[in-house]
Amino acid sequence: LRPGGADSAGVLTIKGMVTNAAPANAAIEIDIGGCNEGEYDRLVVGTNTTAAGVPGRLHAGGALVVRLLDGFQPVRNDTFQILSFVSFTGAFDRLDLPGNPIHWDTTQLPVTGELRYIGPSGTLIILK
């Protein structure tokens, strides 16, 4: 799934339920080109009372692939609401994040759908 298509940001809204588990190479691909809404992709899993299953459920599996667009570089504490859902189940099998993966806080993905850039933990200063 690519909410904004190739190399552009956008919102994809799906009413009902999304399962990103089969096949094993399934991926949700998110492009980030800035901090403001409309500058990064969002996958919205909304409510549809006529759909089978649990309305608004995102069942994670497969990969979450995040790319930066047009030379955008996030700064510490930039937060991106990339997922929106009523309920979240499962877990992503793989997270492909730009740069060093430890510079990203993914703990809120299954709670609020937010991905946060925390950057390097500090600055190395060498004194002579």
Protein backbone atom coordinates (compact mmCIF):
# COMPACT_ATOMS: atom_id res chain seq x y z
CA LEU A 1 0.00 0.00 0.00
CA ARG A 2 1.32 3.43 -0.96
CA PRO A 3 -1.05 6.13 0.31
CA GLY A 4 0.36 8.89 -1.90
CA GLY A 5 1.51 6.81 -4.82
CA ALA A 6 5.12 6.80 -5.96
CA ASP A 7 7.29 9.68 -4.71
CA SER A 8 4.48 11.90 -3.48
CA ALA A 9 2.60 12.38 -0.23
CA GLY A 10 -1.09 11.67 0.16
CA VAL A 11 -3.83 10.11 2.25
CA LEU A 12 -5.39 6.74 1.57
CA THR A 13 -8.64 6.12 3.45
CA ILE A 14 -10.00 2.60 3.65
CA LYS A 15 -13.35 1.88 5.27
CA GLY A 16 -13.45 -1.38 7.18
CA MET A 17 -10.35 -3.44 7.92
CA VAL A 18 -6.78 -3.63 6.55
CA THR A 19 -4.57 -6.70 6.94
CA ASN A 20 -0.93 -6.29 5.97
CA ALA A 21 0.10 -9.87 6.68
CA ALA A 22 -0.08 -11.95 3.52
CA PRO A 23 1.88 -12.44 1.40
CA ALA A 24 5.03 -12.30 3.53
CA ASN A 25 6.42 -9.44 1.39
CA ALA A 26 3.39 -7.19 1.98
CA ALA A 27 4.35 -3.61 2.81
CA ILE A 28 2.87 -0.30 3.81
CA GLU A 29 5.09 2.30 2.15
CA ILE A 30 5.14 5.79 3.62
CA ASP A 31 6.81 8.82 2.01
CA ILE A 32 7.78 11.80 4.19
CA GLY A 33 8.59 15.13 2.55
CA GLY A 34 7.92 17.50 5.46
CA CYS A 35 6.35 17.87 8.89
CA ASN A 36 2.97 19.31 7.94
CA GLU A 37 -0.09 17.28 7.02
CA GLY A 38 -0.10 16.84 3.27
CA GLU A 39 3.70 16.61 3.18
CA TYR A 40 3.76 12.99 4.34
CA ASP A 41 1.68 9.90 3.65
CA ARG A 42 -1.13 8.74 5.92
CA LEU A 43 -3.04 5.48 5.93
CA VAL A 44 -6.48 5.96 7.48
CA VAL A 45 -8.48 2.85 8.35
CA GLY A 46 -11.98 4.12 9.04
CA THR A 47 -15.22 2.75 10.29
CA ASN A 48 -17.71 1.04 8.03
CA THR A 49 -20.50 -0.65 9.94
CA THR A 50 -21.45 -2.81 6.95
CA ALA A 51 -17.97 -4.33 6.53
CA ALA A 52 -17.19 -7.80 7.77
CA GLY A 53 -14.71 -8.04 10.62
CA VAL A 54 -13.81 -5.31 13.04
CA PRO A 55 -14.44 -1.82 11.67
CA GLY A 56 -11.40 0.42 11.57
CA ARG A 57 -8.95 -2.36 12.42
CA LEU A 58 -5.40 -2.27 11.09
CA HIS A 59 -3.76 -5.68 11.40
CA ALA A 60 -0.02 -5.16 11.04
CA GLY A 61 2.37 -7.68 9.58
CA GLY A 62 4.76 -7.55 6.66
CA ALA A 63 6.88 -4.42 6.47
CA LEU A 64 6.51 -0.73 7.20
CA VAL A 65 8.79 1.06 4.74
CA VAL A 66 9.46 4.77 5.30
CA ARG A 67 11.25 6.97 2.75
CA LEU A 68 12.26 10.63 2.85
CA LEU A 69 11.32 12.73 -0.19
CA ASP A 70 13.11 15.57 -1.95
CA GLY A 71 16.05 15.78 0.46
CA PHE A 72 13.84 16.31 3.52
CA GLN A 73 15.73 15.70 6.77
CA PRO A 74 13.71 15.51 9.99
CA VAL A 75 14.95 17.18 13.15
CA ARG A 76 14.68 15.95 16.72
CA ASN A 77 11.07 15.41 17.88
CA ASP A 78 9.48 15.76 14.45
CA THR A 79 6.35 13.63 14.69
CA PHE A 80 4.37 12.16 11.81
CA GLN A 81 0.82 10.81 12.16
CA ILE A 82 1.29 8.17 9.46
CA LEU A 83 -1.43 5.72 10.60
CA SER A 84 -4.96 6.31 11.81
CA PHE A 85 -7.20 3.48 13.02
CA VAL A 86 -9.91 2.49 15.48
CA SER A 87 -7.95 -0.57 16.62
CA PHE A 88 -4.50 -2.01 15.93
CA THR A 89 -3.54 -5.69 16.11
CA GLY A 90 -0.43 -7.65 15.26
CA ALA A 91 3.03 -6.18 14.73
CA PHE A 92 5.12 -5.27 11.71
CA ASP A 93 7.56 -8.04 10.81
CA ARG A 94 10.07 -5.50 9.54
CA LEU A 95 10.60 -1.74 9.91
CA ASP A 96 12.61 -0.12 7.11
CA LEU A 97 13.37 3.38 8.35
CA PRO A 98 15.58 6.06 6.77
CA GLY A 99 19.10 6.47 8.09
CA ASN A 100 19.88 4.81 11.39
CA PRO A 101 16.76 2.99 12.66
CA ILE A 102 17.63 3.76 16.30
CA HIS A 103 16.99 7.44 15.52
CA TRP A 104 13.27 6.69 15.19
CA ASP A 105 10.76 6.13 18.00
CA THR A 106 8.21 3.58 16.81
CA THR A 107 6.64 2.82 20.21
CA GLN A 108 3.51 4.87 19.46
CA LEU A 109 2.75 3.28 16.08
CA PRO A 110 0.33 0.68 17.55
CA VAL A 111 -1.13 3.20 20.01
CA THR A 112 -1.58 6.50 18.15
CA GLY A 113 -0.14 5.78 14.70
CA GLU A 114 2.69 8.25 15.26
CA LEU A 115 6.29 7.90 14.15
CA ARG A 116 8.76 10.26 15.84
CA TYR A 117 12.29 11.19 14.86
CA ILE A 118 14.50 11.33 17.95
CA GLY A 119 17.82 11.78 16.17
CA PRO A 120 21.21 10.87 17.56
CA SER A 121 21.41 10.59 21.33
CA GLY A 122 24.11 13.18 21.67
CA THR A 123 27.02 15.00 20.14
CA LEU A 124 30.54 13.66 20.35
CA ILE A 125 33.04 16.38 21.22
CA ILE A 126 36.73 15.60 21.11
CA LEU A 127 38.97 17.93 23.10
CA LYS A 128 42.70 18.04 22.57
